Amino acid sequence: MGTITVSELQANLRKVMRRVERGETFDITSMRKVVARLVPPEDKQQEARKTLKEIARTAAFHDVLSPLGEAWEAEKQ
């Protein structure tokens, strides 16, 4: 995480924005006090993939297509 003053941000906005696009985070300071944080947006697709991978790692898969041991009434007709 980087730190940048408000005046440095104003002078280098495009350069800082490119760095944020690549994943960097910046604390923005004014009079040596952190007043804001500039962070890249959440990648919702990446988070969803991470969640699905975790589910796949721990889930138990069963045969859902084969018939059960007993016949259903609907199958008898």
C-alpha atoms as a PDB file:
ATOM      1  CA  MET A   1       0.000   0.000   0.000  1.00  0.00           C
ATOM      2  CA  GLY A   2       1.341   3.380  -0.953  1.00  0.00           C
ATOM      3  CA  THR A   3       0.801   6.784   0.575  1.00  0.00           C
ATOM      4  CA  ILE A   4       0.281   9.914  -1.470  1.00  0.00           C
ATOM      5  CA  THR A   5      -0.587  13.497  -0.581  1.00  0.00           C
ATOM      6  CA  VAL A   6      -3.607  15.235  -2.050  1.00  0.00           C
ATOM      7  CA  SER A   7      -1.356  17.578  -4.045  1.00  0.00           C
ATOM      8  CA  GLU A   8       0.717  14.649  -5.406  1.00  0.00           C
ATOM      9  CA  LEU A   9      -2.497  12.899  -6.400  1.00  0.00           C
ATOM     10  CA  GLN A  10      -3.737  15.988  -8.219  1.00  0.00           C
ATOM     11  CA  ALA A  11      -0.443  16.311 -10.090  1.00  0.00           C
ATOM     12  CA  ASN A  12      -0.204  12.608 -11.003  1.00  0.00           C
ATOM     13  CA  LEU A  13      -3.800  11.447 -11.182  1.00  0.00           C
ATOM     14  CA  ARG A  14      -3.533   9.452 -14.425  1.00  0.00           C
ATOM     15  CA  LYS A  15      -0.373   7.652 -13.317  1.00  0.00           C
ATOM     16  CA  VAL A  16      -1.860   6.816  -9.917  1.00  0.00           C
ATOM     17  CA  MET A  17      -5.097   5.596 -11.511  1.00  0.00           C
ATOM     18  CA  ARG A  18      -3.144   3.215 -13.771  1.00  0.00           C
ATOM     19  CA  ARG A  19      -1.409   1.787 -10.710  1.00  0.00           C
ATOM     20  CA  VAL A  20      -4.746   1.349  -8.950  1.00  0.00           C
ATOM     21  CA  GLU A  21      -6.096  -0.444 -12.043  1.00  0.00           C
ATOM     22  CA  ARG A  22      -3.208  -2.909 -11.628  1.00  0.00           C
ATOM     23  CA  GLY A  23      -4.296  -3.590  -8.045  1.00  0.00           C
ATOM     24  CA  GLU A  24      -2.376  -1.107  -5.896  1.00  0.00           C
ATOM     25  CA  THR A  25      -3.991   0.718  -2.978  1.00  0.00           C
ATOM     26  CA  PHE A  26      -3.109   4.229  -1.799  1.00  0.00           C
ATOM     27  CA  ASP A  27      -3.727   6.123   1.416  1.00  0.00           C
ATOM     28  CA  ILE A  28      -4.346   9.771   0.568  1.00  0.00           C
ATOM     29  CA  THR A  29      -3.016  12.227   3.137  1.00  0.00           C
ATOM     30  CA  SER A  30      -3.647  15.857   3.900  1.00  0.00           C
ATOM     31  CA  MET A  31      -1.467  17.590   6.493  1.00  0.00           C
ATOM     32  CA  ARG A  32       0.085  14.176   7.331  1.00  0.00           C
ATOM     33  CA  LYS A  33      -3.293  12.695   8.213  1.00  0.00           C
ATOM     34  CA  VAL A  34      -4.912   9.915   6.171  1.00  0.00           C
ATOM     35  CA  VAL A  35      -8.149  11.348   4.785  1.00  0.00           C
ATOM     36  CA  ALA A  36      -9.073   8.722   2.182  1.00  0.00           C
ATOM     37  CA  ARG A  37      -8.068   5.422   0.642  1.00  0.00           C
ATOM     38  CA  LEU A  38      -7.982   4.760  -3.096  1.00  0.00           C
ATOM     39  CA  VAL A  39      -8.578   1.064  -3.812  1.00  0.00           C
ATOM     40  CA  PRO A  40      -9.287  -0.955  -6.958  1.00  0.00           C
ATOM     41  CA  PRO A  41     -12.872  -2.156  -7.365  1.00  0.00           C
ATOM     42  CA  GLU A  42     -13.761  -5.641  -6.219  1.00  0.00           C
ATOM     43  CA  ASP A  43     -13.540  -8.264  -8.903  1.00  0.00           C
ATOM     44  CA  LYS A  44     -16.855  -9.987  -8.294  1.00  0.00           C
ATOM     45  CA  GLN A  45     -16.137 -12.707 -10.865  1.00  0.00           C
ATOM     46  CA  GLN A  46     -12.865 -13.575  -9.183  1.00  0.00           C
ATOM     47  CA  GLU A  47     -14.572 -13.714  -5.775  1.00  0.00           C
ATOM     48  CA  ALA A  48     -17.333 -15.923  -7.198  1.00  0.00           C
ATOM     49  CA  ARG A  49     -14.767 -18.298  -8.736  1.00  0.00           C
ATOM     50  CA  LYS A  50     -12.928 -18.487  -5.422  1.00  0.00           C
ATOM     51  CA  THR A  51     -16.177 -19.336  -3.621  1.00  0.00           C
ATOM     52  CA  LEU A  52     -17.115 -21.990  -6.190  1.00  0.00           C
ATOM     53  CA  LYS A  53     -13.667 -23.583  -5.952  1.00  0.00           C
ATOM     54  CA  GLU A  54     -14.047 -23.805  -2.182  1.00  0.00           C
ATOM     55  CA  ILE A  55     -17.493 -25.369  -2.535  1.00  0.00           C
ATOM     56  CA  ALA A  56     -16.183 -27.867  -5.103  1.00  0.00           C
ATOM     57  CA  ARG A  57     -13.325 -28.783  -2.788  1.00  0.00           C
ATOM     58  CA  THR A  58     -15.624 -29.603   0.130  1.00  0.00           C
ATOM     59  CA  ALA A  59     -18.859 -30.719  -1.558  1.00  0.00           C
ATOM     60  CA  ALA A  60     -20.025 -34.308  -1.837  1.00  0.00           C
ATOM     61  CA  PHE A  61     -21.445 -35.221  -5.226  1.00  0.00           C
ATOM     62  CA  HIS A  62     -24.081 -37.926  -5.535  1.00  0.00           C
ATOM     63  CA  ASP A  63     -25.770 -39.628  -8.467  1.00  0.00           C
ATOM     64  CA  VAL A  64     -28.931 -37.615  -9.083  1.00  0.00           C
ATOM     65  CA  LEU A  65     -29.968 -39.321 -12.335  1.00  0.00           C
ATOM     66  CA  SER A  66     -30.235 -42.983 -11.388  1.00  0.00           C
ATOM     67  CA  PRO A  67     -33.588 -44.141 -10.011  1.00  0.00           C
ATOM     68  CA  LEU A  68     -33.982 -44.545  -6.294  1.00  0.00           C
ATOM     69  CA  GLY A  69     -34.429 -47.985  -4.757  1.00  0.00           C
ATOM     70  CA  GLU A  70     -38.237 -47.814  -4.814  1.00  0.00           C
ATOM     71  CA  ALA A  71     -40.553 -46.977  -7.717  1.00  0.00           C
ATOM     72  CA  TRP A  72     -42.586 -43.793  -7.610  1.00  0.00           C
ATOM     73  CA  GLU A  73     -46.317 -43.755  -8.221  1.00  0.00           C
ATOM     74  CA  ALA A  74     -45.788 -41.639 -11.346  1.00  0.00           C
ATOM     75  CA  GLU A  75     -43.517 -44.314 -12.822  1.00  0.00           C
ATOM     76  CA  LYS A  76     -46.130 -47.055 -12.344  1.00  0.00           C
ATOM     77  CA  GLN A  77     -48.663 -45.488 -14.708  1.00  0.00           C
END
